[in-house]
Amino acid sequence: MDRSEHVFHYRLDTYWRSVAIYAVALLLYGVGRSLIAGTLQSDGRIEVVLADPIFWLLSAFVLVSAAALGVNILLQRRIVVLPDVLIFATRFRQRRLERSAIRRVVIRRERAGWRLLRSVRIYQRGRRLPIRIRPSFYDRERELFELLVQLRPPAGEASRTARKL
């Protein structure tokens, strides 16, 4: 890997946290329910009531978040930024976006709950819908943001293409 190639991997910490939080909530609910119902055995065994809907709901949250984590680990999503090419890669496929195919790069701030996230929209020549990238979803988000800003076409060229819209 030479110096001009920058690889940014998709962050998985949100998925890890959600699996951990839901699993701890399920465990605490099971222990608390057992203490209240008196099903905690003297040898440390906990009898879980399988007819309890809250138990099934928490179990579903744990399974769905674990499945989402597994899918994202399997995909290994990443963005590779080269001087003239932007590559969106997974374990199974790659999509290349040449710098000459970029019509416009728009930087926005989007509200996600209580915080503002930067969003980079890349408009391509010959395609109607943009590619939206949230740098905060990737490792080294500031570096990725700066490299995406550098992909902007020169000012004169951007204004010419804006008139064609």
N, C-alpha and C. Protein backbone atom coordinates (compact mmCIF):
# COMPACT_ATOMS: atom_id res chain seq x y z
N MET A 1 0.86 -1.18 0.00
CA MET A 1 0.00 0.00 0.00
C MET A 1 0.89 1.24 0.00
N ASP A 2 0.77 2.07 -1.03
CA ASP A 2 1.60 3.27 -1.07
C ASP A 2 0.93 4.41 -0.29
N ARG A 3 1.63 5.52 -0.21
CA ARG A 3 1.18 6.63 0.64
C ARG A 3 -0.10 7.31 0.13
N SER A 4 -0.36 7.23 -1.17
CA SER A 4 -1.52 7.93 -1.70
C SER A 4 -2.81 7.13 -1.54
N GLU A 5 -2.72 5.89 -1.07
CA GLU A 5 -3.92 5.07 -0.86
C GLU A 5 -4.35 5.16 0.59
N HIS A 6 -5.59 5.57 0.79
CA HIS A 6 -6.14 5.70 2.14
C HIS A 6 -7.34 4.77 2.26
N VAL A 7 -7.30 3.89 3.25
CA VAL A 7 -8.38 2.92 3.46
C VAL A 7 -9.10 3.26 4.75
N PHE A 8 -10.43 3.37 4.67
CA PHE A 8 -11.26 3.70 5.82
C PHE A 8 -12.27 2.58 6.02
N HIS A 9 -12.20 1.92 7.16
CA HIS A 9 -13.08 0.79 7.46
C HIS A 9 -14.34 1.27 8.18
N TYR A 10 -15.43 0.57 7.94
CA TYR A 10 -16.71 0.87 8.57
C TYR A 10 -16.62 0.56 10.06
N ARG A 11 -17.13 1.46 10.88
CA ARG A 11 -17.07 1.27 12.33
C ARG A 11 -18.14 0.28 12.80
N LEU A 12 -17.74 -0.59 13.72
CA LEU A 12 -18.66 -1.58 14.25
C LEU A 12 -18.97 -1.37 15.72
N ASP A 13 -18.42 -0.32 16.31
CA ASP A 13 -18.59 -0.13 17.76
C ASP A 13 -20.04 0.09 18.16
N THR A 14 -20.85 0.69 17.31
CA THR A 14 -22.27 0.87 17.63
C THR A 14 -22.98 -0.47 17.75
N TYR A 15 -22.65 -1.38 16.86
CA TYR A 15 -23.27 -2.70 16.89
C TYR A 15 -22.83 -3.49 18.14
N TRP A 16 -21.54 -3.39 18.47
CA TRP A 16 -21.05 -4.08 19.68
C TRP A 16 -21.76 -3.55 20.92
N ARG A 17 -21.89 -2.23 20.99
CA ARG A 17 -22.55 -1.64 22.15
C ARG A 17 -24.01 -2.07 22.27
N SER A 18 -24.72 -2.09 21.16
CA SER A 18 -26.13 -2.47 21.23
C SER A 18 -26.29 -3.93 21.64
N VAL A 19 -25.44 -4.81 21.14
CA VAL A 19 -25.51 -6.22 21.55
C VAL A 19 -25.24 -6.33 23.05
N ALA A 20 -24.22 -5.62 23.53
CA ALA A 20 -23.86 -5.70 24.95
C ALA A 20 -24.97 -5.13 25.83
N ILE A 21 -25.52 -3.99 25.45
CA ILE A 21 -26.56 -3.36 26.27
C ILE A 21 -27.82 -4.22 26.32
N TYR A 22 -28.24 -4.73 25.17
CA TYR A 22 -29.44 -5.57 25.15
C TYR A 22 -29.22 -6.88 25.91
N ALA A 23 -28.03 -7.46 25.81
CA ALA A 23 -27.75 -8.71 26.53
C ALA A 23 -27.74 -8.47 28.04
N VAL A 24 -27.14 -7.36 28.48
CA VAL A 24 -27.14 -7.04 29.91
C VAL A 24 -28.56 -6.76 30.39
N ALA A 25 -29.35 -6.05 29.59
CA ALA A 25 -30.74 -5.79 29.97
C ALA A 25 -31.53 -7.09 30.08
N LEU A 26 -31.30 -8.02 29.16
CA LEU A 26 -31.97 -9.31 29.22
C LEU A 26 -31.57 -10.08 30.47
N LEU A 27 -30.28 -10.07 30.78
CA LEU A 27 -29.79 -10.76 31.97
C LEU A 27 -30.36 -10.14 33.24
N LEU A 28 -30.33 -8.81 33.33
CA LEU A 28 -30.87 -8.14 34.52
C LEU A 28 -32.38 -8.37 34.65
N TYR A 29 -33.07 -8.36 33.55
CA TYR A 29 -34.51 -8.62 33.61
C TYR A 29 -34.77 -10.05 34.08
N GLY A 30 -34.00 -11.00 33.56
CA GLY A 30 -34.18 -12.39 33.97
C GLY A 30 -33.91 -12.59 35.45
N VAL A 31 -32.82 -11.99 35.95
CA VAL A 31 -32.49 -12.11 37.38
C VAL A 31 -33.53 -11.38 38.22
N GLY A 32 -33.92 -10.18 37.83
CA GLY A 32 -34.91 -9.41 38.59
C GLY A 32 -36.25 -10.10 38.62
N ARG A 33 -36.66 -10.64 37.51
CA ARG A 33 -37.95 -11.36 37.44
C ARG A 33 -37.90 -12.61 38.31
N SER A 34 -36.75 -13.28 38.30
CA SER A 34 -36.62 -14.49 39.12
C SER A 34 -36.65 -14.16 40.61
N LEU A 35 -36.02 -13.04 40.98
CA LEU A 35 -36.04 -12.64 42.39
C LEU A 35 -37.45 -12.29 42.83
N ILE A 36 -38.17 -11.58 41.98
CA ILE A 36 -39.54 -11.18 42.32
C ILE A 36 -40.47 -12.39 42.35
N ALA A 37 -40.34 -13.27 41.37
CA ALA A 37 -41.23 -14.43 41.28
C ALA A 37 -40.81 -15.55 42.22
N GLY A 38 -39.62 -15.46 42.76
CA GLY A 38 -39.15 -16.50 43.67
C GLY A 38 -38.71 -17.76 42.96
N THR A 39 -38.28 -17.65 41.71
CA THR A 39 -37.83 -18.83 40.97
C THR A 39 -36.31 -18.96 40.95
N LEU A 40 -35.62 -18.14 41.73
CA LEU A 40 -34.17 -18.25 41.84
C LEU A 40 -33.86 -19.40 42.80
N GLN A 41 -33.18 -20.40 42.29
CA GLN A 41 -32.89 -21.60 43.07
C GLN A 41 -31.70 -21.35 43.99
N SER A 42 -31.58 -22.15 45.03
CA SER A 42 -30.49 -21.98 45.99
C SER A 42 -29.13 -22.34 45.40
N ASP A 43 -29.10 -23.15 44.35
CA ASP A 43 -27.83 -23.52 43.73
C ASP A 43 -27.43 -22.56 42.61
N GLY A 44 -28.12 -21.42 42.47
CA GLY A 44 -27.74 -20.40 41.50
C GLY A 44 -28.47 -20.51 40.17
N ARG A 45 -29.30 -21.50 39.98
CA ARG A 45 -30.05 -21.64 38.73
C ARG A 45 -31.21 -20.64 38.70
N ILE A 46 -31.50 -20.18 37.51
CA ILE A 46 -32.61 -19.25 37.32
C ILE A 46 -33.62 -19.92 36.40
N GLU A 47 -34.84 -20.01 36.84
CA GLU A 47 -35.90 -20.54 35.99
C GLU A 47 -36.55 -19.37 35.26
N VAL A 48 -36.50 -19.43 33.95
CA VAL A 48 -37.05 -18.36 33.13
C VAL A 48 -38.43 -18.78 32.64
N VAL A 49 -39.35 -17.87 32.76
CA VAL A 49 -40.71 -18.12 32.29
C VAL A 49 -40.74 -17.79 30.80
N LEU A 50 -40.91 -18.80 29.96
CA LEU A 50 -40.87 -18.59 28.51
C LEU A 50 -42.14 -17.93 27.97
N ALA A 51 -43.16 -17.86 28.76
CA ALA A 51 -44.40 -17.21 28.32
C ALA A 51 -44.36 -15.70 28.54
N ASP A 52 -43.26 -15.19 29.05
CA ASP A 52 -43.14 -13.77 29.35
C ASP A 52 -42.84 -12.98 28.07
N PRO A 53 -43.69 -12.05 27.64
CA PRO A 53 -43.47 -11.32 26.39
C PRO A 53 -42.26 -10.37 26.45
N ILE A 54 -41.96 -9.82 27.61
CA ILE A 54 -40.80 -8.93 27.72
C ILE A 54 -39.51 -9.71 27.51
N PHE A 55 -39.45 -10.92 28.02
CA PHE A 55 -38.29 -11.79 27.78
C PHE A 55 -38.09 -12.02 26.28
N TRP A 56 -39.18 -12.31 25.57
CA TRP A 56 -39.07 -12.56 24.13
C TRP A 56 -38.71 -11.29 23.37
N LEU A 57 -39.22 -10.16 23.80
CA LEU A 57 -38.89 -8.90 23.15
C LEU A 57 -37.41 -8.57 23.30
N LEU A 58 -36.90 -8.69 24.52
CA LEU A 58 -35.47 -8.44 24.75
C LEU A 58 -34.61 -9.46 24.01
N SER A 59 -35.05 -10.71 23.96
CA SER A 59 -34.32 -11.74 23.21
C SER A 59 -34.28 -11.41 21.72
N ALA A 60 -35.39 -10.90 21.20
CA ALA A 60 -35.43 -10.51 19.79
C ALA A 60 -34.47 -9.36 19.52
N PHE A 61 -34.40 -8.38 20.43
CA PHE A 61 -33.45 -7.27 20.27
C PHE A 61 -32.02 -7.78 20.24
N VAL A 62 -31.69 -8.70 21.14
CA VAL A 62 -30.34 -9.25 21.18
C VAL A 62 -30.03 -9.99 19.88
N LEU A 63 -30.96 -10.80 19.40
CA LEU A 63 -30.72 -11.58 18.18
C LEU A 63 -30.61 -10.68 16.94
N VAL A 64 -31.47 -9.69 16.84
CA VAL A 64 -31.43 -8.80 15.67
C VAL A 64 -30.14 -7.98 15.65
N SER A 65 -29.75 -7.44 16.80
CA SER A 65 -28.51 -6.65 16.83
C SER A 65 -27.29 -7.54 16.62
N ALA A 66 -27.32 -8.78 17.11
CA ALA A 66 -26.21 -9.70 16.86
C ALA A 66 -26.15 -10.09 15.38
N ALA A 67 -27.31 -10.25 14.75
CA ALA A 67 -27.34 -10.55 13.31
C ALA A 67 -26.81 -9.38 12.49
N ALA A 68 -27.17 -8.15 12.88
CA ALA A 68 -26.67 -6.97 12.17
C ALA A 68 -25.16 -6.86 12.33
N LEU A 69 -24.65 -7.14 13.52
CA LEU A 69 -23.21 -7.14 13.73
C LEU A 69 -22.54 -8.20 12.88
N GLY A 70 -23.12 -9.40 12.83
CA GLY A 70 -22.56 -10.48 12.02
C GLY A 70 -22.52 -10.14 10.54
N VAL A 71 -23.59 -9.54 10.04
CA VAL A 71 -23.63 -9.15 8.62
C VAL A 71 -22.56 -8.11 8.32
N ASN A 72 -22.40 -7.13 9.19
CA ASN A 72 -21.40 -6.09 8.95
C ASN A 72 -19.98 -6.61 9.10
N ILE A 73 -19.76 -7.58 9.98
CA ILE A 73 -18.44 -8.21 10.06
C ILE A 73 -18.16 -8.99 8.79
N LEU A 74 -19.18 -9.69 8.30
CA LEU A 74 -19.03 -10.47 7.08
C LEU A 74 -18.77 -9.59 5.86
N LEU A 75 -19.45 -8.45 5.76
CA LEU A 75 -19.30 -7.57 4.60
C LEU A 75 -17.94 -6.89 4.54
N GLN A 76 -17.39 -6.51 5.68
CA GLN A 76 -16.12 -5.77 5.75
C GLN A 76 -16.14 -4.54 4.82
N ARG A 77 -17.09 -3.66 5.05
CA ARG A 77 -17.22 -2.46 4.22
C ARG A 77 -16.05 -1.51 4.45
N ARG A 78 -15.61 -0.87 3.37
CA ARG A 78 -14.53 0.10 3.47
C ARG A 78 -14.58 1.04 2.27
N ILE A 79 -13.97 2.19 2.45
CA ILE A 79 -13.81 3.16 1.38
C ILE A 79 -12.32 3.34 1.16
N VAL A 80 -11.90 3.22 -0.09
CA VAL A 80 -10.50 3.43 -0.45
C VAL A 80 -10.44 4.70 -1.28
N VAL A 81 -9.62 5.64 -0.84
CA VAL A 81 -9.49 6.91 -1.54
C VAL A 81 -8.10 6.96 -2.17
N LEU A 82 -8.07 7.05 -3.49
CA LEU A 82 -6.85 7.23 -4.26
C LEU A 82 -6.89 8.63 -4.86
N PRO A 83 -5.78 9.13 -5.41
CA PRO A 83 -5.81 10.49 -5.95
C PRO A 83 -6.89 10.74 -7.00
N ASP A 84 -7.15 9.76 -7.88
CA ASP A 84 -8.13 9.97 -8.95
C ASP A 84 -9.33 9.03 -8.89
N VAL A 85 -9.40 8.18 -7.86
CA VAL A 85 -10.46 7.18 -7.79
C VAL A 85 -10.97 7.06 -6.36
N LEU A 86 -12.27 6.86 -6.24
CA LEU A 86 -12.91 6.56 -4.97
C LEU A 86 -13.50 5.17 -5.11
N ILE A 87 -13.11 4.24 -4.22
CA ILE A 87 -13.55 2.85 -4.32
C ILE A 87 -14.40 2.52 -3.10
N PHE A 88 -15.62 2.05 -3.35
CA PHE A 88 -16.49 1.54 -2.30
C PHE A 88 -16.38 0.02 -2.37
N ALA A 89 -15.84 -0.60 -1.32
CA ALA A 89 -15.55 -2.03 -1.38
C ALA A 89 -16.20 -2.77 -0.23
N THR A 90 -16.63 -3.98 -0.52
CA THR A 90 -17.04 -4.93 0.49
C THR A 90 -16.20 -6.18 0.25
N ARG A 91 -16.45 -7.20 1.03
CA ARG A 91 -15.73 -8.45 0.82
C ARG A 91 -16.06 -9.05 -0.54
N PHE A 92 -17.25 -8.79 -1.05
CA PHE A 92 -17.72 -9.47 -2.24
C PHE A 92 -17.65 -8.66 -3.53
N ARG A 93 -17.59 -7.35 -3.44
CA ARG A 93 -17.55 -6.56 -4.67
C ARG A 93 -16.92 -5.19 -4.43
N GLN A 94 -16.57 -4.54 -5.54
CA GLN A 94 -16.01 -3.19 -5.50
C GLN A 94 -16.76 -2.32 -6.50
N ARG A 95 -16.90 -1.07 -6.15
CA ARG A 95 -17.48 -0.10 -7.06
C ARG A 95 -16.53 1.08 -7.15
N ARG A 96 -16.07 1.37 -8.36
CA ARG A 96 -15.11 2.45 -8.58
C ARG A 96 -15.82 3.70 -9.08
N LEU A 97 -15.38 4.82 -8.56
CA LEU A 97 -15.91 6.10 -9.00
C LEU A 97 -14.71 6.97 -9.38
N GLU A 98 -14.55 7.18 -10.66
CA GLU A 98 -13.45 7.99 -11.17
C GLU A 98 -13.71 9.46 -10.84
N ARG A 99 -12.64 10.19 -10.65
CA ARG A 99 -12.78 11.62 -10.35
C ARG A 99 -13.44 12.37 -11.50
N SER A 100 -13.19 11.92 -12.72
CA SER A 100 -13.79 12.58 -13.89
C SER A 100 -15.31 12.36 -13.96
N ALA A 101 -15.82 11.34 -13.27
CA ALA A 101 -17.26 11.05 -13.28
C ALA A 101 -18.01 11.83 -12.20
N ILE A 102 -17.29 12.57 -11.37
CA ILE A 102 -17.93 13.33 -10.30
C ILE A 102 -18.38 14.67 -10.84
N ARG A 103 -19.68 14.92 -10.74
CA ARG A 103 -20.24 16.18 -11.21
C ARG A 103 -20.18 17.25 -10.14
N ARG A 104 -20.49 16.85 -8.89
CA ARG A 104 -20.55 17.82 -7.81
C ARG A 104 -20.42 17.10 -6.48
N VAL A 105 -19.80 17.75 -5.50
CA VAL A 105 -19.69 17.23 -4.14
C VAL A 105 -20.32 18.26 -3.22
N VAL A 106 -21.34 17.83 -2.48
CA VAL A 106 -22.08 18.73 -1.59
C VAL A 106 -21.88 18.26 -0.16
N ILE A 107 -21.52 19.20 0.71
CA ILE A 107 -21.32 18.88 2.12
C ILE A 107 -22.48 19.48 2.90
N ARG A 108 -23.11 18.62 3.71
CA ARG A 108 -24.27 19.06 4.49
C ARG A 108 -24.11 18.60 5.93
N ARG A 109 -24.92 19.19 6.76
CA ARG A 109 -25.05 18.73 8.15
C ARG A 109 -26.46 18.20 8.31
N GLU A 110 -26.56 16.97 8.78
CA GLU A 110 -27.87 16.35 8.98
C GLU A 110 -28.07 16.08 10.46
N ARG A 111 -29.28 16.26 10.89
CA ARG A 111 -29.61 16.00 12.29
C ARG A 111 -29.90 14.51 12.46
N ALA A 112 -29.19 13.89 13.39
CA ALA A 112 -29.41 12.49 13.74
C ALA A 112 -29.66 12.45 15.24
N GLY A 113 -30.91 12.55 15.62
CA GLY A 113 -31.23 12.62 17.04
C GLY A 113 -30.88 13.99 17.57
N TRP A 114 -30.03 14.02 18.58
CA TRP A 114 -29.68 15.28 19.22
C TRP A 114 -28.39 15.87 18.68
N ARG A 115 -27.71 15.18 17.77
CA ARG A 115 -26.44 15.71 17.27
C ARG A 115 -26.47 15.89 15.76
N LEU A 116 -25.60 16.76 15.30
CA LEU A 116 -25.48 17.02 13.87
C LEU A 116 -24.35 16.18 13.30
N LEU A 117 -24.62 15.52 12.19
CA LEU A 117 -23.61 14.71 11.52
C LEU A 117 -23.31 15.31 10.16
N ARG A 118 -22.06 15.26 9.77
CA ARG A 118 -21.71 15.70 8.43
C ARG A 118 -22.10 14.62 7.44
N SER A 119 -22.55 15.08 6.31
CA SER A 119 -22.93 14.17 5.24
C SER A 119 -22.33 14.72 3.95
N VAL A 120 -21.72 13.84 3.17
CA VAL A 120 -21.13 14.23 1.90
C VAL A 120 -21.94 13.55 0.80
N ARG A 121 -22.48 14.35 -0.09
CA ARG A 121 -23.22 13.81 -1.23
C ARG A 121 -22.39 14.01 -2.48
N ILE A 122 -22.20 12.92 -3.20
CA ILE A 122 -21.41 12.94 -4.43
C ILE A 122 -22.36 12.70 -5.60
N TYR A 123 -22.51 13.72 -6.43
CA TYR A 123 -23.35 13.61 -7.62
C TYR A 123 -22.48 13.17 -8.78
N GLN A 124 -22.96 12.19 -9.55
CA GLN A 124 -22.20 11.65 -10.66
C GLN A 124 -22.78 12.12 -11.98
N ARG A 125 -21.95 12.12 -12.99
CA ARG A 125 -22.42 12.42 -14.33
C ARG A 125 -23.22 11.21 -14.83
N GLY A 126 -24.37 11.47 -15.41
CA GLY A 126 -25.18 10.40 -15.97
C GLY A 126 -26.05 9.66 -14.96
N ARG A 127 -26.02 10.06 -13.70
CA ARG A 127 -26.87 9.43 -12.69
C ARG A 127 -27.66 10.51 -11.98
N ARG A 128 -28.88 10.18 -11.65
CA ARG A 128 -29.75 11.18 -11.05
C ARG A 128 -29.54 11.31 -9.54
N LEU A 129 -29.46 10.18 -8.85
CA LEU A 129 -29.36 10.20 -7.39
C LEU A 129 -27.90 10.23 -6.94
N PRO A 130 -27.62 10.94 -5.86
CA PRO A 130 -26.24 11.02 -5.37
C PRO A 130 -25.88 9.83 -4.49
N ILE A 131 -24.59 9.70 -4.25
CA ILE A 131 -24.08 8.76 -3.26
C ILE A 131 -23.91 9.56 -1.98
N ARG A 132 -24.49 9.07 -0.89
CA ARG A 132 -24.38 9.78 0.39
C ARG A 132 -23.44 9.03 1.30
N ILE A 133 -22.44 9.74 1.80
CA ILE A 133 -21.46 9.16 2.71
C ILE A 133 -21.49 9.95 4.01
N ARG A 134 -21.58 9.26 5.11
CA ARG A 134 -21.45 9.89 6.42
C ARG A 134 -20.07 9.52 6.96
N PRO A 135 -19.14 10.46 6.96
CA PRO A 135 -17.78 10.15 7.41
C PRO A 135 -17.71 9.64 8.85
N SER A 136 -18.67 10.00 9.69
CA SER A 136 -18.64 9.56 11.08
C SER A 136 -18.89 8.06 11.21
N PHE A 137 -19.35 7.41 10.17
CA PHE A 137 -19.56 5.96 10.20
C PHE A 137 -18.28 5.19 9.91
N TYR A 138 -17.18 5.89 9.61
CA TYR A 138 -15.93 5.24 9.24
C TYR A 138 -14.81 5.67 10.18
N ASP A 139 -13.76 4.85 10.23
CA ASP A 139 -12.58 5.19 11.03
C ASP A 139 -11.93 6.44 10.47
N ARG A 140 -11.28 7.21 11.33
CA ARG A 140 -10.56 8.43 10.95
C ARG A 140 -11.46 9.35 10.12
N GLU A 141 -12.58 9.74 10.73
CA GLU A 141 -13.60 10.48 10.00
C GLU A 141 -13.13 11.84 9.49
N ARG A 142 -12.29 12.52 10.23
CA ARG A 142 -11.81 13.84 9.77
C ARG A 142 -10.95 13.72 8.53
N GLU A 143 -10.08 12.73 8.52
CA GLU A 143 -9.22 12.51 7.36
C GLU A 143 -10.06 12.13 6.13
N LEU A 144 -11.06 11.28 6.33
CA LEU A 144 -11.95 10.90 5.23
C LEU A 144 -12.70 12.12 4.71
N PHE A 145 -13.19 12.95 5.61
CA PHE A 145 -13.92 14.15 5.21
C PHE A 145 -13.02 15.07 4.38
N GLU A 146 -11.79 15.28 4.82
CA GLU A 146 -10.87 16.15 4.07
C GLU A 146 -10.56 15.59 2.69
N LEU A 147 -10.40 14.28 2.59
CA LEU A 147 -10.12 13.68 1.29
C LEU A 147 -11.34 13.76 0.36
N LEU A 148 -12.53 13.63 0.92
CA LEU A 148 -13.74 13.75 0.09
C LEU A 148 -13.94 15.18 -0.40
N VAL A 149 -13.58 16.15 0.43
CA VAL A 149 -13.67 17.55 0.01
C VAL A 149 -12.69 17.82 -1.14
N GLN A 150 -11.54 17.18 -1.11
CA GLN A 150 -10.55 17.36 -2.18
C GLN A 150 -11.02 16.77 -3.51
N LEU A 151 -12.02 15.92 -3.49
CA LEU A 151 -12.54 15.34 -4.73
C LEU A 151 -13.43 16.30 -5.51
N ARG A 152 -13.73 17.45 -4.92
CA ARG A 152 -14.58 18.42 -5.61
C ARG A 152 -13.95 18.82 -6.94
N PRO A 153 -14.77 18.94 -7.97
CA PRO A 153 -14.24 19.44 -9.24
C PRO A 153 -13.89 20.92 -9.12
N PRO A 154 -13.05 21.44 -10.01
CA PRO A 154 -12.71 22.87 -9.96
C PRO A 154 -13.96 23.73 -10.03
N ALA A 155 -13.88 24.94 -9.49
CA ALA A 155 -15.05 25.82 -9.35
C ALA A 155 -15.71 26.13 -10.69
N GLY A 156 -14.95 26.40 -11.72
CA GLY A 156 -15.53 26.72 -13.02
C GLY A 156 -16.28 25.55 -13.61
N GLU A 157 -15.73 24.36 -13.45
CA GLU A 157 -16.37 23.17 -13.99
C GLU A 157 -17.67 22.86 -13.25
N ALA A 158 -17.70 23.06 -11.94
CA ALA A 158 -18.90 22.78 -11.16
C ALA A 158 -20.03 23.73 -11.55
N SER A 159 -19.69 25.00 -11.81
CA SER A 159 -20.75 25.94 -12.16
C SER A 159 -21.30 25.64 -13.55
N ARG A 160 -20.45 25.15 -14.47
CA ARG A 160 -20.95 24.79 -15.79
C ARG A 160 -21.92 23.62 -15.71
N THR A 161 -21.58 22.63 -14.89
CA THR A 161 -22.47 21.46 -14.79
C THR A 161 -23.74 21.82 -14.04
N ALA A 162 -23.68 22.76 -13.12
CA ALA A 162 -24.88 23.16 -12.38
C ALA A 162 -25.88 23.82 -13.33
N ARG A 163 -25.40 24.54 -14.31
CA ARG A 163 -26.30 25.17 -15.27
C ARG A 163 -26.99 24.14 -16.16
N LYS A 164 -26.33 23.02 -16.40
CA LYS A 164 -26.90 21.99 -17.27
C LYS A 164 -28.05 21.25 -16.59
N LEU A 165 -28.13 21.32 -15.28
CA LEU A 165 -29.21 20.62 -14.57
C LEU A 165 -30.50 21.24 -14.92
